[in-house]
Amino acid sequence: MVKQIAPADLSSLLNGNSQFALIDVREAGEYNSTHITDSSLIPRRHLEAQMSSAVPVKGCHVVVCDDDGRRAGLAA
């Protein structure tokens, strides 16, 4: 199931003990400019091929992000 989360909820996840994968689906230049600490860069076009390397434990929650939600929505 896909759902959107608010920035405050993501902040809680980042500061808590939950195990989850945070994947930034922008391009490398955008990611290098600014990104969320501890996020993994996997551009949307490479997501299927590289997803297993970014998810620490099978079955854990995955949070997909970008700068405006469009690519993240498509990737989810």
PDB file of N, CA and C in Angstrom:
ATOM      1  N   MET A   1       0.841  -1.169   0.000  1.00  0.00           N
ATOM      2  CA  MET A   1       0.000   0.000   0.000  1.00  0.00           C
ATOM      3  C   MET A   1       0.895   1.245   0.000  1.00  0.00           C
ATOM      4  N   VAL A   2       0.538   2.231  -0.796  1.00  0.00           N
ATOM      5  CA  VAL A   2       1.294   3.474  -0.910  1.00  0.00           C
ATOM      6  C   VAL A   2       0.543   4.577  -0.182  1.00  0.00           C
ATOM      7  N   LYS A   3       1.256   5.319   0.660  1.00  0.00           N
ATOM      8  CA  LYS A   3       0.647   6.473   1.314  1.00  0.00           C
ATOM      9  C   LYS A   3       1.688   7.565   1.456  1.00  0.00           C
ATOM     10  N   GLN A   4       1.230   8.786   1.494  1.00  0.00           N
ATOM     11  CA  GLN A   4       2.119   9.920   1.697  1.00  0.00           C
ATOM     12  C   GLN A   4       2.295  10.146   3.187  1.00  0.00           C
ATOM     13  N   ILE A   5       3.481  10.627   3.557  1.00  0.00           N
ATOM     14  CA  ILE A   5       3.695  10.990   4.955  1.00  0.00           C
ATOM     15  C   ILE A   5       4.117  12.453   5.018  1.00  0.00           C
ATOM     16  N   ALA A   6       3.797  13.075   6.109  1.00  0.00           N
ATOM     17  CA  ALA A   6       4.139  14.482   6.325  1.00  0.00           C
ATOM     18  C   ALA A   6       5.606  14.596   6.740  1.00  0.00           C
ATOM     19  N   PRO A   7       6.220  15.738   6.487  1.00  0.00           N
ATOM     20  CA  PRO A   7       7.608  15.935   6.919  1.00  0.00           C
ATOM     21  C   PRO A   7       7.814  15.653   8.411  1.00  0.00           C
ATOM     22  N   ALA A   8       6.856  16.013   9.233  1.00  0.00           N
ATOM     23  CA  ALA A   8       6.982  15.759  10.671  1.00  0.00           C
ATOM     24  C   ALA A   8       7.020  14.264  10.967  1.00  0.00           C
ATOM     25  N   ASP A   9       6.244  13.478  10.205  1.00  0.00           N
ATOM     26  CA  ASP A   9       6.257  12.027  10.395  1.00  0.00           C
ATOM     27  C   ASP A   9       7.592  11.431   9.967  1.00  0.00           C
ATOM     28  N   LEU A  10       8.152  11.943   8.878  1.00  0.00           N
ATOM     29  CA  LEU A  10       9.471  11.481   8.446  1.00  0.00           C
ATOM     30  C   LEU A  10      10.518  11.843   9.496  1.00  0.00           C
ATOM     31  N   SER A  11      10.421  13.022  10.048  1.00  0.00           N
ATOM     32  CA  SER A  11      11.346  13.434  11.099  1.00  0.00           C
ATOM     33  C   SER A  11      11.276  12.483  12.285  1.00  0.00           C
ATOM     34  N   SER A  12      10.071  12.073  12.648  1.00  0.00           N
ATOM     35  CA  SER A  12       9.906  11.118  13.747  1.00  0.00           C
ATOM     36  C   SER A  12      10.554   9.783  13.415  1.00  0.00           C
ATOM     37  N   LEU A  13      10.380   9.332  12.167  1.00  0.00           N
ATOM     38  CA  LEU A  13      11.021   8.085  11.743  1.00  0.00           C
ATOM     39  C   LEU A  13      12.541   8.202  11.836  1.00  0.00           C
ATOM     40  N   LEU A  14      13.077   9.316  11.345  1.00  0.00           N
ATOM     41  CA  LEU A  14      14.524   9.511  11.350  1.00  0.00           C
ATOM     42  C   LEU A  14      15.092   9.570  12.767  1.00  0.00           C
ATOM     43  N   ASN A  15      14.325  10.098  13.692  1.00  0.00           N
ATOM     44  CA  ASN A  15      14.792  10.243  15.071  1.00  0.00           C
ATOM     45  C   ASN A  15      14.442   9.059  15.958  1.00  0.00           C
ATOM     46  N   GLY A  16      13.668   8.117  15.433  1.00  0.00           N
ATOM     47  CA  GLY A  16      13.243   6.968  16.220  1.00  0.00           C
ATOM     48  C   GLY A  16      14.123   5.754  15.995  1.00  0.00           C
ATOM     49  N   ASN A  17      13.625   4.621  16.441  1.00  0.00           N
ATOM     50  CA  ASN A  17      14.359   3.364  16.333  1.00  0.00           C
ATOM     51  C   ASN A  17      13.842   2.470  15.226  1.00  0.00           C
ATOM     52  N   SER A  18      12.931   2.962  14.415  1.00  0.00           N
ATOM     53  CA  SER A  18      12.355   2.152  13.341  1.00  0.00           C
ATOM     54  C   SER A  18      13.402   1.866  12.275  1.00  0.00           C
ATOM     55  N   GLN A  19      13.326   0.662  11.728  1.00  0.00           N
ATOM     56  CA  GLN A  19      14.207   0.323  10.618  1.00  0.00           C
ATOM     57  C   GLN A  19      13.422   0.524   9.327  1.00  0.00           C
ATOM     58  N   PHE A  20      13.943   1.381   8.456  1.00  0.00           N
ATOM     59  CA  PHE A  20      13.277   1.662   7.191  1.00  0.00           C
ATOM     60  C   PHE A  20      14.322   2.123   6.187  1.00  0.00           C
ATOM     61  N   ALA A  21      13.944   2.093   4.923  1.00  0.00           N
ATOM     62  CA  ALA A  21      14.826   2.574   3.858  1.00  0.00           C
ATOM     63  C   ALA A  21      14.305   3.921   3.383  1.00  0.00           C
ATOM     64  N   LEU A  22      15.189   4.889   3.247  1.00  0.00           N
ATOM     65  CA  LEU A  22      14.845   6.216   2.738  1.00  0.00           C
ATOM     66  C   LEU A  22      15.566   6.390   1.410  1.00  0.00           C
ATOM     67  N   ILE A  23      14.802   6.410   0.323  1.00  0.00           N
ATOM     68  CA  ILE A  23      15.377   6.440  -1.015  1.00  0.00           C
ATOM     69  C   ILE A  23      15.004   7.737  -1.715  1.00  0.00           C
ATOM     70  N   ASP A  24      16.017   8.457  -2.154  1.00  0.00           N
ATOM     71  CA  ASP A  24      15.846   9.698  -2.910  1.00  0.00           C
ATOM     72  C   ASP A  24      15.923   9.333  -4.389  1.00  0.00           C
ATOM     73  N   VAL A  25      14.864   9.611  -5.142  1.00  0.00           N
ATOM     74  CA  VAL A  25      14.787   9.175  -6.540  1.00  0.00           C
ATOM     75  C   VAL A  25      15.141  10.278  -7.540  1.00  0.00           C
ATOM     76  N   ARG A  26      15.783  11.347  -7.065  1.00  0.00           N
ATOM     77  CA  ARG A  26      16.215  12.406  -7.973  1.00  0.00           C
ATOM     78  C   ARG A  26      17.506  11.987  -8.683  1.00  0.00           C
ATOM     79  N   GLU A  27      17.993  12.851  -9.561  1.00  0.00           N
ATOM     80  CA  GLU A  27      19.258  12.599 -10.248  1.00  0.00           C
ATOM     81  C   GLU A  27      20.425  13.005  -9.339  1.00  0.00           C
ATOM     82  N   ALA A  28      21.613  12.515  -9.655  1.00  0.00           N
ATOM     83  CA  ALA A  28      22.785  12.716  -8.801  1.00  0.00           C
ATOM     84  C   ALA A  28      23.086  14.192  -8.531  1.00  0.00           C
ATOM     85  N   GLY A  29      22.997  15.042  -9.535  1.00  0.00           N
ATOM     86  CA  GLY A  29      23.279  16.464  -9.337  1.00  0.00           C
ATOM     87  C   GLY A  29      22.339  17.108  -8.337  1.00  0.00           C
ATOM     88  N   GLU A  30      21.070  16.734  -8.402  1.00  0.00           N
ATOM     89  CA  GLU A  30      20.082  17.266  -7.462  1.00  0.00           C
ATOM     90  C   GLU A  30      20.373  16.765  -6.049  1.00  0.00           C
ATOM     91  N   TYR A  31      20.663  15.484  -5.946  1.00  0.00           N
ATOM     92  CA  TYR A  31      20.961  14.863  -4.653  1.00  0.00           C
ATOM     93  C   TYR A  31      22.206  15.490  -4.033  1.00  0.00           C
ATOM     94  N   ASN A  32      23.242  15.679  -4.847  1.00  0.00           N
ATOM     95  CA  ASN A  32      24.492  16.247  -4.339  1.00  0.00           C
ATOM     96  C   ASN A  32      24.323  17.692  -3.888  1.00  0.00           C
ATOM     97  N   SER A  33      23.361  18.396  -4.463  1.00  0.00           N
ATOM     98  CA  SER A  33      23.086  19.769  -4.074  1.00  0.00           C
ATOM     99  C   SER A  33      22.525  19.834  -2.657  1.00  0.00           C
ATOM    100  N   THR A  34      21.579  18.965  -2.364  1.00  0.00           N
ATOM    101  CA  THR A  34      20.985  18.864  -1.030  1.00  0.00           C
ATOM    102  C   THR A  34      20.182  17.574  -0.935  1.00  0.00           C
ATOM    103  N   HIS A  35      20.217  16.953   0.221  1.00  0.00           N
ATOM    104  CA  HIS A  35      19.445  15.726   0.425  1.00  0.00           C
ATOM    105  C   HIS A  35      19.226  15.486   1.917  1.00  0.00           C
ATOM    106  N   ILE A  36      18.311  14.596   2.209  1.00  0.00           N
ATOM    107  CA  ILE A  36      18.020  14.232   3.593  1.00  0.00           C
ATOM    108  C   ILE A  36      19.142  13.320   4.087  1.00  0.00           C
ATOM    109  N   THR A  37      19.673  13.625   5.251  1.00  0.00           N
ATOM    110  CA  THR A  37      20.727  12.812   5.841  1.00  0.00           C
ATOM    111  C   THR A  37      20.290  11.352   5.921  1.00  0.00           C
ATOM    112  N   ASP A  38      21.185  10.456   5.580  1.00  0.00           N
ATOM    113  CA  ASP A  38      20.976   9.002   5.604  1.00  0.00           C
ATOM    114  C   ASP A  38      20.087   8.481   4.484  1.00  0.00           C
ATOM    115  N   SER A  39      19.715   9.332   3.530  1.00  0.00           N
ATOM    116  CA  SER A  39      18.951   8.828   2.385  1.00  0.00           C
ATOM    117  C   SER A  39      19.912   8.186   1.390  1.00  0.00           C
ATOM    118  N   SER A  40      19.400   7.238   0.626  1.00  0.00           N
ATOM    119  CA  SER A  40      20.173   6.580  -0.426  1.00  0.00           C
ATOM    120  C   SER A  40      19.730   7.139  -1.762  1.00  0.00           C
ATOM    121  N   LEU A  41      20.681   7.438  -2.617  1.00  0.00           N
ATOM    122  CA  LEU A  41      20.357   7.929  -3.952  1.00  0.00           C
ATOM    123  C   LEU A  41      20.160   6.756  -4.897  1.00  0.00           C
ATOM    124  N   ILE A  42      18.967   6.665  -5.450  1.00  0.00           N
ATOM    125  CA  ILE A  42      18.689   5.736  -6.542  1.00  0.00           C
ATOM    126  C   ILE A  42      17.756   6.474  -7.494  1.00  0.00           C
ATOM    127  N   PRO A  43      18.300   7.026  -8.582  1.00  0.00           N
ATOM    128  CA  PRO A  43      17.428   7.715  -9.535  1.00  0.00           C
ATOM    129  C   PRO A  43      16.273   6.812  -9.966  1.00  0.00           C
ATOM    130  N   ARG A  44      15.127   7.416 -10.189  1.00  0.00           N
ATOM    131  CA  ARG A  44      13.914   6.648 -10.479  1.00  0.00           C
ATOM    132  C   ARG A  44      14.113   5.649 -11.603  1.00  0.00           C
ATOM    133  N   ARG A  45      14.865   6.017 -12.620  1.00  0.00           N
ATOM    134  CA  ARG A  45      15.058   5.116 -13.757  1.00  0.00           C
ATOM    135  C   ARG A  45      15.885   3.882 -13.401  1.00  0.00           C
ATOM    136  N   HIS A  46      16.580   3.903 -12.251  1.00  0.00           N
ATOM    137  CA  HIS A  46      17.390   2.763 -11.821  1.00  0.00           C
ATOM    138  C   HIS A  46      16.782   2.023 -10.629  1.00  0.00           C
ATOM    139  N   LEU A  47      15.639   2.465 -10.182  1.00  0.00           N
ATOM    140  CA  LEU A  47      15.079   1.978  -8.924  1.00  0.00           C
ATOM    141  C   LEU A  47      14.851   0.471  -8.904  1.00  0.00           C
ATOM    142  N   GLU A  48      14.217  -0.068  -9.919  1.00  0.00           N
ATOM    143  CA  GLU A  48      13.929  -1.506  -9.911  1.00  0.00           C
ATOM    144  C   GLU A  48      15.200  -2.333  -9.822  1.00  0.00           C
ATOM    145  N   ALA A  49      16.220  -1.944 -10.559  1.00  0.00           N
ATOM    146  CA  ALA A  49      17.463  -2.718 -10.594  1.00  0.00           C
ATOM    147  C   ALA A  49      18.254  -2.619  -9.290  1.00  0.00           C
ATOM    148  N   GLN A  50      18.139  -1.500  -8.576  1.00  0.00           N
ATOM    149  CA  GLN A  50      18.973  -1.275  -7.397  1.00  0.00           C
ATOM    150  C   GLN A  50      18.218  -1.309  -6.074  1.00  0.00           C
ATOM    151  N   MET A  51      16.939  -1.570  -6.109  1.00  0.00           N
ATOM    152  CA  MET A  51      16.115  -1.512  -4.899  1.00  0.00           C
ATOM    153  C   MET A  51      16.626  -2.440  -3.797  1.00  0.00           C
ATOM    154  N   SER A  52      16.990  -3.654  -4.142  1.00  0.00           N
ATOM    155  CA  SER A  52      17.386  -4.610  -3.107  1.00  0.00           C
ATOM    156  C   SER A  52      18.634  -4.159  -2.352  1.00  0.00           C
ATOM    157  N   SER A  53      19.497  -3.380  -2.978  1.00  0.00           N
ATOM    158  CA  SER A  53      20.699  -2.908  -2.286  1.00  0.00           C
ATOM    159  C   SER A  53      20.390  -1.796  -1.287  1.00  0.00           C
ATOM    160  N   ALA A  54      19.274  -1.121  -1.440  1.00  0.00           N
ATOM    161  CA  ALA A  54      18.935   0.006  -0.568  1.00  0.00           C
ATOM    162  C   ALA A  54      18.025  -0.371   0.593  1.00  0.00           C
ATOM    163  N   VAL A  55      17.409  -1.533   0.524  1.00  0.00           N
ATOM    164  CA  VAL A  55      16.476  -1.948   1.572  1.00  0.00           C
ATOM    165  C   VAL A  55      17.222  -2.858   2.547  1.00  0.00           C
ATOM    166  N   PRO A  56      17.409  -2.416   3.800  1.00  0.00           N
ATOM    167  CA  PRO A  56      18.237  -3.167   4.743  1.00  0.00           C
ATOM    168  C   PRO A  56      17.678  -4.529   5.137  1.00  0.00           C
ATOM    169  N   VAL A  57      16.376  -4.624   5.260  1.00  0.00           N
ATOM    170  CA  VAL A  57      15.738  -5.866   5.681  1.00  0.00           C
ATOM    171  C   VAL A  57      14.494  -6.073   4.842  1.00  0.00           C
ATOM    172  N   LYS A  58      14.363  -7.257   4.275  1.00  0.00           N
ATOM    173  CA  LYS A  58      13.183  -7.547   3.464  1.00  0.00           C
ATOM    174  C   LYS A  58      11.930  -7.346   4.310  1.00  0.00           C
ATOM    175  N   GLY A  59      10.977  -6.628   3.761  1.00  0.00           N
ATOM    176  CA  GLY A  59       9.719  -6.388   4.461  1.00  0.00           C
ATOM    177  C   GLY A  59       9.687  -5.100   5.274  1.00  0.00           C
ATOM    178  N   CYS A  60      10.820  -4.383   5.367  1.00  0.00           N
ATOM    179  CA  CYS A  60      10.792  -3.130   6.131  1.00  0.00           C
ATOM    180  C   CYS A  60      10.103  -2.045   5.302  1.00  0.00           C
ATOM    181  N   HIS A  61       9.703  -0.993   5.963  1.00  0.00           N
ATOM    182  CA  HIS A  61       9.056   0.118   5.270  1.00  0.00           C
ATOM    183  C   HIS A  61      10.065   0.835   4.382  1.00  0.00           C
ATOM    184  N   VAL A  62       9.567   1.351   3.264  1.00  0.00           N
ATOM    185  CA  VAL A  62      10.396   2.112   2.335  1.00  0.00           C
ATOM    186  C   VAL A  62       9.760   3.488   2.159  1.00  0.00           C
ATOM    187  N   VAL A  63      10.549   4.535   2.359  1.00  0.00           N
ATOM    188  CA  VAL A  63      10.113   5.905   2.136  1.00  0.00           C
ATOM    189  C   VAL A  63      10.851   6.405   0.899  1.00  0.00           C
ATOM    190  N   VAL A  64      10.093   6.884  -0.080  1.00  0.00           N
ATOM    191  CA  VAL A  64      10.660   7.390  -1.325  1.00  0.00           C
ATOM    192  C   VAL A  64      10.458   8.901  -1.337  1.00  0.00           C
ATOM    193  N   CYS A  65      11.521   9.644  -1.657  1.00  0.00           N
ATOM    194  CA  CYS A  65      11.408  11.102  -1.634  1.00  0.00           C
ATOM    195  C   CYS A  65      12.050  11.728  -2.866  1.00  0.00           C
ATOM    196  N   ASP A  66      11.655  12.956  -3.132  1.00  0.00           N
ATOM    197  CA  ASP A  66      12.271  13.801  -4.149  1.00  0.00           C
ATOM    198  C   ASP A  66      12.024  15.249  -3.738  1.00  0.00           C
ATOM    199  N   ASP A  67      12.157  16.189  -4.659  1.00  0.00           N
ATOM    200  CA  ASP A  67      11.997  17.588  -4.272  1.00  0.00           C
ATOM    201  C   ASP A  67      10.566  18.099  -4.320  1.00  0.00           C
ATOM    202  N   ASP A  68       9.696  17.472  -5.101  1.00  0.00           N
ATOM    203  CA  ASP A  68       8.319  17.966  -5.188  1.00  0.00           C
ATOM    204  C   ASP A  68       7.250  16.875  -5.131  1.00  0.00           C
ATOM    205  N   GLY A  69       7.643  15.639  -4.958  1.00  0.00           N
ATOM    206  CA  GLY A  69       6.684  14.551  -4.815  1.00  0.00           C
ATOM    207  C   GLY A  69       6.281  13.846  -6.089  1.00  0.00           C
ATOM    208  N   ARG A  70       6.575  14.418  -7.235  1.00  0.00           N
ATOM    209  CA  ARG A  70       6.143  13.800  -8.500  1.00  0.00           C
ATOM    210  C   ARG A  70       6.881  12.501  -8.790  1.00  0.00           C
ATOM    211  N   ARG A  71       8.194  12.548  -8.796  1.00  0.00           N
ATOM    212  CA  ARG A  71       8.962  11.329  -9.078  1.00  0.00           C
ATOM    213  C   ARG A  71       8.789  10.296  -7.974  1.00  0.00           C
ATOM    214  N   ALA A  72       8.703  10.754  -6.744  1.00  0.00           N
ATOM    215  CA  ALA A  72       8.491   9.825  -5.638  1.00  0.00           C
ATOM    216  C   ALA A  72       7.155   9.116  -5.795  1.00  0.00           C
ATOM    217  N   GLY A  73       6.135   9.847  -6.202  1.00  0.00           N
ATOM    218  CA  GLY A  73       4.821   9.244  -6.432  1.00  0.00           C
ATOM    219  C   GLY A  73       4.856   8.212  -7.534  1.00  0.00           C
ATOM    220  N   LEU A  74       5.565   8.495  -8.606  1.00  0.00           N
ATOM    221  CA  LEU A  74       5.695   7.533  -9.700  1.00  0.00           C
ATOM    222  C   LEU A  74       6.502   6.318  -9.269  1.00  0.00           C
ATOM    223  N   ALA A  75       7.536   6.546  -8.480  1.00  0.00           N
ATOM    224  CA  ALA A  75       8.387   5.446  -8.033  1.00  0.00           C
ATOM    225  C   ALA A  75       7.672   4.531  -7.053  1.00  0.00           C
ATOM    226  N   ALA A  76       6.819   5.107  -6.231  1.00  0.00           N
ATOM    227  CA  ALA A  76       6.117   4.314  -5.224  1.00  0.00           C
ATOM    228  C   ALA A  76       5.173   3.346  -5.886  1.00  0.00           C
TER     229      ALA A  76
END
